[in-house]
């Protein structure tokens, strides 16, 4: 599970953090309610479901773009990542081209034998040469448990040379080129469990790009056969439904019943109608299928999943998202929204407010957790819903 992300020198992010990093986790026992009441900033690790809110152009989409860039960098290398998906090159991604782009991410895992909580923090530093070609300058993966005094570096590479630690043994290694991630290289080896676990976590991030055009204009001859997972556009929804019917009949029946209950056009219909519906499903139906995946991705990133949905459909989607996060405690949903209705079943610690000071040389993004706002916490504990608090303007400057 992703607990926190720190972004340095990417886009309009100078040095911004969402969630909690390893040092925040380690210092957490010293934080108290008295500290909060005194105005001392406390860390808020990311939970199973998180909402990103804020005005247009405040950095929410850019945050998703950063995570996508990190994923692509680790898997494919920084040169490819800097130019794919419409990106215009590393020099245009860095806020200050003279400085490196740095990503720091903290994850929570469970030890496969002892079942204790293990915190892993991965730091990635990218720099470029005089021609603007990016390369891996540094990669560090640190591990910490609550019975350790200090974190232990289990992977550390600088300019392609470094070491990996396994079973207490430190083994030196060197990468063939500056375009290959050490996390990618060693993360493919199962014996390096927490390196492998961190790599698979990043590799499994799923960026939802369901759009009406992609879903409803599917050719009849789309790749035949059962598909294990939905693609990012959701254009193989019927294939996934058929795969689920054969491999997970119990989950399939639950999904059929849920679609008949929740989707207005299927009310009173039967299984045949649902299968026919998934030839060209609507947005809500595609999300229901995604959230019913028997082997879900570790992190689902959704931009405005409620866009275009009627208010009662927004409520239905919010319930399914919450049910997914509770049923899959090792998985997460992070979504953006401009709709206060979808926040009504969320708590202050699950909402991150993005703001941007524009119109000056100090054009920058600011990110804060609603759980750090005393008035928001007080209203929430008095029974006021988060959507109502947002609508009343308490998140805005």
Protein backbone atom coordinates (compact mmCIF):
# COMPACT_ATOMS: atom_id res chain seq x y z
CA UNK A 1 0.00 0.00 0.00
CA UNK A 2 1.21 3.47 -0.91
CA UNK A 3 1.48 5.67 2.19
CA UNK A 4 2.98 8.81 0.75
CA UNK A 5 4.65 10.54 -2.19
CA UNK A 6 7.09 13.43 -2.26
CA UNK A 7 7.61 15.29 -5.55
CA UNK A 8 10.57 17.55 -6.20
CA UNK A 9 11.14 19.68 -9.29
CA UNK A 10 8.44 18.20 -11.55
CA UNK A 11 6.01 20.42 -13.42
CA UNK A 12 4.80 23.02 -10.92
CA UNK A 13 5.72 20.83 -7.95
CA UNK A 14 8.72 22.42 -6.26
CA UNK A 15 8.83 20.22 -3.18
CA UNK A 16 5.41 18.87 -2.29
CA UNK A 17 4.17 15.84 -0.40
CA UNK A 18 0.92 13.93 -0.21
CA UNK A 19 0.56 11.33 2.54
CA UNK A 20 3.38 10.33 4.91
CA UNK A 21 6.98 9.27 4.28
CA UNK A 22 9.17 6.97 6.34
CA UNK A 23 10.40 9.64 8.75
CA UNK A 24 6.82 10.75 9.35
CA UNK A 25 5.87 7.16 10.20
CA UNK A 26 8.84 6.75 12.52
CA UNK A 27 8.03 9.99 14.37
CA UNK A 28 4.29 9.27 14.56
CA UNK A 29 4.33 7.96 18.18
CA UNK A 30 5.53 11.37 19.40
CA UNK A 31 2.55 13.10 17.79
CA UNK A 32 -0.56 13.50 19.89
CA UNK A 33 -3.95 15.15 19.95
CA UNK A 34 -2.43 17.91 22.07
CA UNK A 35 0.09 18.59 19.32
CA UNK A 36 -2.72 18.82 16.78
CA UNK A 37 -4.72 21.20 18.96
CA UNK A 38 -1.62 23.34 19.33
CA UNK A 39 -1.39 23.68 15.57
CA UNK A 40 1.54 21.31 15.06
CA UNK A 41 1.35 19.69 11.62
CA UNK A 42 0.75 15.94 11.79
CA UNK A 43 1.33 13.34 9.09
CA UNK A 44 -1.61 11.64 7.37
CA UNK A 45 -0.65 8.39 5.61
CA UNK A 46 -2.72 7.54 2.57
CA UNK A 47 -5.64 5.19 3.23
CA UNK A 48 -7.58 2.69 1.17
CA UNK A 49 -9.56 5.47 -0.50
CA UNK A 50 -8.40 9.04 -1.08
CA UNK A 51 -9.99 12.00 -2.84
CA UNK A 52 -8.07 14.86 -4.44
CA UNK A 53 -10.04 18.09 -4.69
CA UNK A 54 -9.28 21.64 -5.69
CA UNK A 55 -9.99 24.23 -8.34
CA UNK A 56 -9.19 23.66 -12.00
CA UNK A 57 -5.46 23.73 -12.84
CA UNK A 58 -4.47 23.26 -9.21
CA UNK A 59 -2.26 20.22 -9.84
CA UNK A 60 -4.51 17.17 -9.40
CA UNK A 61 -4.01 15.88 -12.95
CA UNK A 62 -0.32 16.73 -12.75
CA UNK A 63 -0.02 14.51 -9.66
CA UNK A 64 -1.41 11.58 -11.65
CA UNK A 65 0.92 12.46 -14.51
CA UNK A 66 3.86 12.34 -12.11
CA UNK A 67 2.93 8.86 -10.87
CA UNK A 68 2.52 7.70 -14.46
CA UNK A 69 5.93 9.15 -15.30
CA UNK A 70 7.54 7.36 -12.34
CA UNK A 71 5.94 4.05 -13.31
CA UNK A 72 7.08 4.37 -16.91
CA UNK A 73 10.58 5.47 -15.84
CA UNK A 74 11.08 2.42 -13.63
CA UNK A 75 9.75 0.00 -16.25
CA UNK A 76 10.96 1.53 -19.53
CA UNK A 77 13.65 4.06 -18.59
CA UNK A 78 13.63 7.87 -18.28
CA UNK A 79 14.16 8.66 -21.98
CA UNK A 80 11.06 6.72 -23.06
CA UNK A 81 9.03 7.98 -20.09
CA UNK A 82 9.90 11.60 -20.91
CA UNK A 83 8.40 11.45 -24.39
CA UNK A 84 5.52 8.94 -24.26
CA UNK A 85 1.88 9.76 -23.49
CA UNK A 86 2.26 13.24 -24.97
CA UNK A 87 5.14 14.32 -22.72
CA UNK A 88 7.46 16.85 -24.33
CA UNK A 89 10.85 15.75 -23.04
CA UNK A 90 12.67 15.79 -19.73
CA UNK A 91 13.77 19.44 -19.92
CA UNK A 92 10.12 20.47 -20.22
CA UNK A 93 9.03 18.25 -17.34
CA UNK A 94 11.52 19.60 -14.80
CA UNK A 95 10.55 22.85 -13.10
CA UNK A 96 14.25 23.81 -13.05
CA UNK A 97 16.19 21.96 -15.79
CA UNK A 98 19.41 22.56 -13.88
CA UNK A 99 18.19 20.43 -10.97
CA UNK A 100 17.26 16.75 -10.79
CA UNK A 101 13.70 15.43 -10.61
CA UNK A 102 13.22 13.44 -7.41
CA UNK A 103 10.47 11.05 -6.38
CA UNK A 104 10.22 9.56 -2.89
CA UNK A 105 7.53 7.00 -2.11
CA UNK A 106 6.73 5.12 1.08
CA UNK A 107 4.97 1.73 1.00
CA UNK A 108 3.51 -0.53 3.66
CA UNK A 109 3.86 -4.29 3.21
CA UNK A 110 3.34 -7.36 5.39
CA UNK A 111 6.27 -9.68 6.07
CA UNK A 112 5.42 -13.03 4.42
CA UNK A 113 6.64 -15.07 7.42
CA UNK A 114 6.23 -12.96 10.56
CA UNK A 115 3.20 -10.95 9.33
CA UNK A 116 4.70 -7.80 10.87
CA UNK A 117 4.36 -4.42 9.17
CA UNK A 118 7.30 -3.52 6.94
CA UNK A 119 7.79 0.00 5.62
CA UNK A 120 9.77 0.47 2.40
CA UNK A 121 10.79 3.88 1.08
CA UNK A 122 11.97 4.16 -2.51
CA UNK A 123 13.83 7.27 -3.68
CA UNK A 124 14.47 7.91 -7.35
CA UNK A 125 16.66 10.78 -8.59
CA UNK A 126 16.78 11.65 -12.31
CA UNK A 127 19.28 14.08 -13.83
CA UNK A 128 20.17 14.95 -17.43
CA UNK A 129 23.35 15.54 -19.40
CA UNK A 130 24.23 18.72 -21.33
CA UNK A 131 22.03 17.56 -24.20
CA UNK A 132 18.97 17.10 -21.99
CA UNK A 133 19.03 13.29 -22.01
CA UNK A 134 17.85 12.00 -18.61
CA UNK A 135 19.45 9.15 -16.68
CA UNK A 136 19.23 7.44 -13.30
CA UNK A 137 21.43 9.40 -10.95
CA UNK A 138 20.41 7.64 -7.77
CA UNK A 139 18.08 4.90 -6.51
CA UNK A 140 17.69 3.99 -2.86
CA UNK A 141 15.31 1.53 -1.23
CA UNK A 142 15.17 1.58 2.57
CA UNK A 143 13.38 -0.90 4.82
CA UNK A 144 12.19 -0.34 8.38
CA UNK A 145 10.12 -2.18 10.98
CA UNK A 146 9.11 -0.96 14.42
CA UNK A 147 11.72 -3.18 16.12
CA UNK A 148 14.57 -1.51 14.17
CA UNK A 149 16.36 1.57 15.46
CA UNK A 150 17.31 2.85 12.01
CA UNK A 151 16.14 2.03 8.48
CA UNK A 152 18.30 -0.35 6.48
CA UNK A 153 19.26 0.29 2.86
CA UNK A 154 18.50 -2.88 0.91
CA UNK A 155 19.22 -1.34 -2.49
CA UNK A 156 21.43 1.64 -3.26
CA UNK A 157 22.77 2.71 -6.64
CA UNK A 158 24.48 5.91 -7.73
CA UNK A 159 25.30 6.51 -11.40
CA UNK A 160 24.68 2.85 -12.17
CA UNK A 161 26.90 1.32 -9.48
CA UNK A 162 25.92 0.19 -6.00
CA UNK A 163 24.73 -2.77 -3.99
CA UNK A 164 21.76 -4.90 -3.06
CA UNK A 165 21.38 -6.58 0.32
CA UNK A 166 19.95 -10.10 0.66
CA UNK A 167 19.82 -12.30 3.76
CA UNK A 168 22.20 -9.92 5.51
CA UNK A 169 24.73 -10.12 2.70
CA UNK A 170 25.75 -6.98 0.81
CA UNK A 171 26.38 -7.74 -2.88
CA UNK A 172 27.93 -5.11 -5.13
CA UNK A 173 26.56 -4.72 -8.66
CA UNK A 174 26.68 -2.43 -11.67
CA UNK A 175 24.06 -1.68 -14.30
CA UNK A 176 24.86 -2.02 -18.01
CA UNK A 177 23.63 1.48 -18.80
CA UNK A 178 22.16 4.57 -17.17
CA UNK A 179 18.73 3.90 -18.71
CA UNK A 180 18.02 0.74 -16.69
CA UNK A 181 16.47 0.99 -13.27
CA UNK A 182 18.11 -1.07 -10.53
CA UNK A 183 14.65 -1.55 -9.01
CA UNK A 184 13.46 -2.93 -12.34
CA UNK A 185 16.48 -5.22 -12.75
CA UNK A 186 16.50 -6.71 -9.24
CA UNK A 187 12.75 -6.38 -8.73
CA UNK A 188 12.23 -9.12 -11.28
CA UNK A 189 14.00 -11.59 -8.95
CA UNK A 190 11.64 -13.19 -6.40
CA UNK A 191 14.44 -13.91 -3.92
CA UNK A 192 14.84 -10.17 -3.27
CA UNK A 193 11.39 -10.14 -1.69
CA UNK A 194 10.91 -6.49 -0.69
CA UNK A 195 12.69 -5.17 -3.78
CA UNK A 196 10.41 -7.39 -5.85
CA UNK A 197 7.38 -6.35 -3.79
CA UNK A 198 8.11 -2.63 -4.29
CA UNK A 199 8.67 -3.09 -8.02
CA UNK A 200 5.44 -5.06 -8.47
CA UNK A 201 3.53 -2.43 -6.52
CA UNK A 202 4.68 0.35 -8.86
CA UNK A 203 4.23 -1.82 -11.94
CA UNK A 204 0.63 -2.55 -10.88
CA UNK A 205 -0.57 1.07 -10.70
CA UNK A 206 -3.65 1.27 -12.93
CA UNK A 207 -4.58 4.60 -14.52
CA UNK A 208 -8.28 4.54 -15.36
CA UNK A 209 -9.11 6.31 -18.60
CA UNK A 210 -12.74 5.30 -19.05
CA UNK A 211 -14.39 7.70 -21.46
CA UNK A 212 -17.78 7.38 -23.09
CA UNK A 213 -16.25 7.45 -26.57
CA UNK A 214 -13.87 4.58 -25.78
CA UNK A 215 -16.51 2.36 -24.18
CA UNK A 216 -19.55 2.80 -26.42
CA UNK A 217 -17.78 2.62 -29.78
CA UNK A 218 -16.34 -0.88 -29.55
CA UNK A 219 -16.14 -2.87 -32.80
CA UNK A 220 -17.89 -6.23 -32.75
CA UNK A 221 -14.61 -7.98 -33.61
CA UNK A 222 -12.58 -6.57 -30.69
CA UNK A 223 -9.90 -9.07 -29.60
CA UNK A 224 -11.92 -12.25 -28.98
CA UNK A 225 -11.80 -14.51 -25.95
CA UNK A 226 -11.71 -13.90 -22.23
CA UNK A 227 -9.52 -11.13 -20.84
CA UNK A 228 -8.24 -11.31 -17.26
CA UNK A 229 -8.29 -7.55 -16.61
CA UNK A 230 -9.86 -4.44 -18.06
CA UNK A 231 -7.62 -2.25 -20.17
CA UNK A 232 -7.23 1.42 -19.28
CA UNK A 233 -9.97 2.51 -21.70
CA UNK A 234 -12.43 -0.19 -20.60
CA UNK A 235 -12.98 -1.19 -24.24
CA UNK A 236 -12.67 -4.94 -23.46
CA UNK A 237 -15.41 -4.98 -20.81
CA UNK A 238 -17.39 -7.82 -22.36
CA UNK A 239 -14.27 -9.97 -22.72
CA UNK A 240 -13.52 -9.51 -19.02
CA UNK A 241 -17.10 -10.37 -18.10
CA UNK A 242 -16.89 -13.62 -20.06
CA UNK A 243 -13.54 -14.48 -18.45
CA UNK A 244 -15.07 -13.91 -15.01
CA UNK A 245 -18.05 -16.11 -15.87
CA UNK A 246 -15.78 -19.07 -16.60
CA UNK A 247 -13.05 -18.59 -13.99
CA UNK A 248 -14.94 -16.97 -11.08
CA UNK A 249 -18.63 -17.98 -11.38
CA UNK A 250 -19.48 -16.85 -7.84
CA UNK A 251 -18.04 -13.37 -8.37
CA UNK A 252 -19.72 -13.28 -11.79
CA UNK A 253 -23.17 -13.93 -10.30
CA UNK A 254 -22.61 -11.21 -7.70
CA UNK A 255 -21.71 -8.74 -10.45
CA UNK A 256 -24.77 -9.65 -12.52
CA UNK A 257 -27.03 -9.10 -9.51
CA UNK A 258 -25.31 -5.81 -8.69
CA UNK A 259 -25.71 -4.49 -12.23
CA UNK A 260 -29.42 -5.34 -12.24
CA UNK A 261 -29.81 -3.58 -8.90
CA UNK A 262 -27.75 -0.46 -9.57
CA UNK A 263 -27.95 0.34 -13.30
CA UNK A 264 -31.36 1.88 -14.16
CA UNK A 265 -31.52 0.42 -17.66
CA UNK A 266 -31.10 -3.12 -16.30
CA UNK A 267 -33.72 -2.98 -13.58
CA UNK A 268 -35.93 -6.06 -13.84
CA UNK A 269 -33.73 -7.62 -16.53
CA UNK A 270 -31.88 -10.94 -16.48
CA UNK A 271 -28.37 -12.31 -17.08
CA UNK A 272 -28.76 -12.33 -20.87
CA UNK A 273 -29.59 -8.63 -20.86
CA UNK A 274 -26.56 -7.83 -18.70
CA UNK A 275 -24.23 -9.72 -21.06
CA UNK A 276 -25.74 -7.85 -24.00
CA UNK A 277 -25.36 -4.57 -22.09
CA UNK A 278 -21.62 -5.15 -21.69
CA UNK A 279 -21.08 -5.13 -25.44
CA UNK A 280 -21.30 -1.35 -25.09
CA UNK A 281 -21.56 -0.61 -21.34
CA UNK A 282 -21.92 2.80 -19.78
CA UNK A 283 -19.37 4.36 -17.44
CA UNK A 284 -21.01 3.09 -14.23
CA UNK A 285 -21.20 -0.47 -15.55
CA UNK A 286 -17.52 -0.40 -16.47
CA UNK A 287 -16.59 0.82 -12.99
CA UNK A 288 -18.70 -1.93 -11.41
CA UNK A 289 -16.76 -4.48 -13.48
CA UNK A 290 -13.43 -2.92 -12.53
CA UNK A 291 -14.28 -2.95 -8.83
CA UNK A 292 -15.36 -6.60 -9.05
CA UNK A 293 -11.97 -7.80 -10.31
CA UNK A 294 -11.07 -10.99 -8.35
CA UNK A 295 -7.36 -10.06 -8.62
CA UNK A 296 -7.40 -6.27 -8.39
CA UNK A 297 -4.54 -3.90 -9.09
CA UNK A 298 -2.81 -2.48 -5.98
CA UNK A 299 -3.66 1.13 -6.85
CA UNK A 300 -6.49 2.48 -9.00
CA UNK A 301 -6.06 6.10 -10.10
CA UNK A 302 -9.26 7.68 -11.39
CA UNK A 303 -9.79 11.16 -12.78
CA UNK A 304 -13.35 12.36 -12.12
CA UNK A 305 -14.99 8.90 -12.06
CA UNK A 306 -18.30 10.60 -11.25
CA UNK A 307 -18.28 12.80 -14.35
CA UNK A 308 -21.54 12.57 -16.26
CA UNK A 309 -23.32 10.46 -13.64
CA UNK A 310 -26.72 11.36 -12.18
CA UNK A 311 -26.63 12.07 -8.44
CA UNK A 312 -28.03 8.70 -7.35
CA UNK A 313 -25.51 6.97 -9.62
CA UNK A 314 -22.76 8.97 -7.91
CA UNK A 315 -23.98 7.58 -4.58
CA UNK A 316 -23.93 4.04 -6.00
CA UNK A 317 -20.38 4.49 -7.32
CA UNK A 318 -19.21 5.90 -3.99
CA UNK A 319 -20.65 2.89 -2.15
CA UNK A 320 -18.93 0.46 -4.51
CA UNK A 321 -15.61 2.26 -4.18
CA UNK A 322 -15.85 2.11 -0.40
CA UNK A 323 -16.83 -1.56 -0.50
CA UNK A 324 -13.83 -2.28 -2.73
CA UNK A 325 -11.40 -0.58 -0.34
CA UNK A 326 -12.82 -2.51 2.64
CA UNK A 327 -12.86 -5.86 0.82
CA UNK A 328 -9.31 -5.40 -0.50
CA UNK A 329 -7.27 -3.93 2.36
CA UNK A 330 -4.03 -4.16 0.35
CA UNK A 331 -5.50 -2.12 -2.51
CA UNK A 332 -6.22 1.59 -2.86
CA UNK A 333 -8.28 4.04 -4.85
CA UNK A 334 -7.12 7.61 -5.43
CA UNK A 335 -9.54 9.77 -7.40
CA UNK A 336 -10.10 13.39 -8.32
CA UNK A 337 -13.51 15.03 -8.20
CA UNK A 338 -15.38 18.33 -8.39
CA UNK A 339 -18.53 16.77 -6.96
CA UNK A 340 -19.26 17.19 -3.22
CA UNK A 341 -21.78 14.30 -3.21
CA UNK A 342 -19.07 11.66 -3.58
CA UNK A 343 -17.31 12.91 -0.44
CA UNK A 344 -20.24 12.32 1.90
CA UNK A 345 -19.01 8.91 3.09
CA UNK A 346 -15.40 10.02 3.56
CA UNK A 347 -13.44 11.37 6.53
CA UNK A 348 -11.09 14.41 6.72
CA UNK A 349 -7.99 12.20 6.64
CA UNK A 350 -9.05 10.81 3.25
CA UNK A 351 -9.29 14.13 1.42
CA UNK A 352 -6.40 16.17 0.00
CA UNK A 353 -6.94 19.78 -1.02
CA UNK A 354 -4.88 21.16 -3.91
CA UNK A 355 -4.50 24.91 -4.37
CA UNK A 356 -2.34 27.04 -6.61
CA UNK A 357 -1.11 30.61 -6.22
CA UNK A 358 -1.32 31.97 -9.75
CA UNK A 359 -0.60 35.32 -11.33
CA UNK A 360 2.78 35.88 -9.72
CA UNK A 361 6.36 34.68 -9.92
CA UNK A 362 5.60 32.40 -6.98
CA UNK A 363 3.30 30.23 -9.09
CA UNK A 364 3.29 27.03 -7.08
CA UNK A 365 1.08 24.24 -5.84
CA UNK A 366 0.12 23.71 -2.23
CA UNK A 367 -1.27 20.41 -0.93
CA UNK A 368 -2.82 19.88 2.48
CA UNK A 369 -4.88 17.17 4.08
CA UNK A 370 -8.37 18.13 5.23
CA UNK A 371 -7.49 16.23 8.41
CA UNK A 372 -4.99 19.01 9.20
CA UNK A 373 -7.73 21.67 9.25
CA UNK A 374 -9.11 22.10 12.81
CA UNK A 375 -12.43 23.62 11.72
CA UNK A 376 -13.03 20.79 9.24
CA UNK A 377 -12.33 18.15 11.89
CA UNK A 378 -14.59 19.86 14.39
CA UNK A 379 -17.48 20.12 11.94
CA UNK A 380 -17.01 16.50 10.86
CA UNK A 381 -17.13 15.26 14.47
CA UNK A 382 -20.28 17.32 14.97
CA UNK A 383 -21.91 15.24 12.24
CA UNK A 384 -21.48 17.47 9.19
CA UNK A 385 -20.65 15.55 6.01
CA UNK A 386 -17.47 16.28 4.09
CA UNK A 387 -19.42 17.19 0.96
CA UNK A 388 -21.42 19.81 2.89
CA UNK A 389 -18.23 21.18 4.45
CA UNK A 390 -16.66 21.50 1.02
CA UNK A 391 -19.79 23.09 -0.49
CA UNK A 392 -19.78 25.64 2.33
CA UNK A 393 -16.30 26.77 1.27
CA UNK A 394 -14.25 25.57 4.25
CA UNK A 395 -11.59 23.98 2.03
CA UNK A 396 -10.95 27.15 0.04
CA UNK A 397 -8.49 29.89 0.93
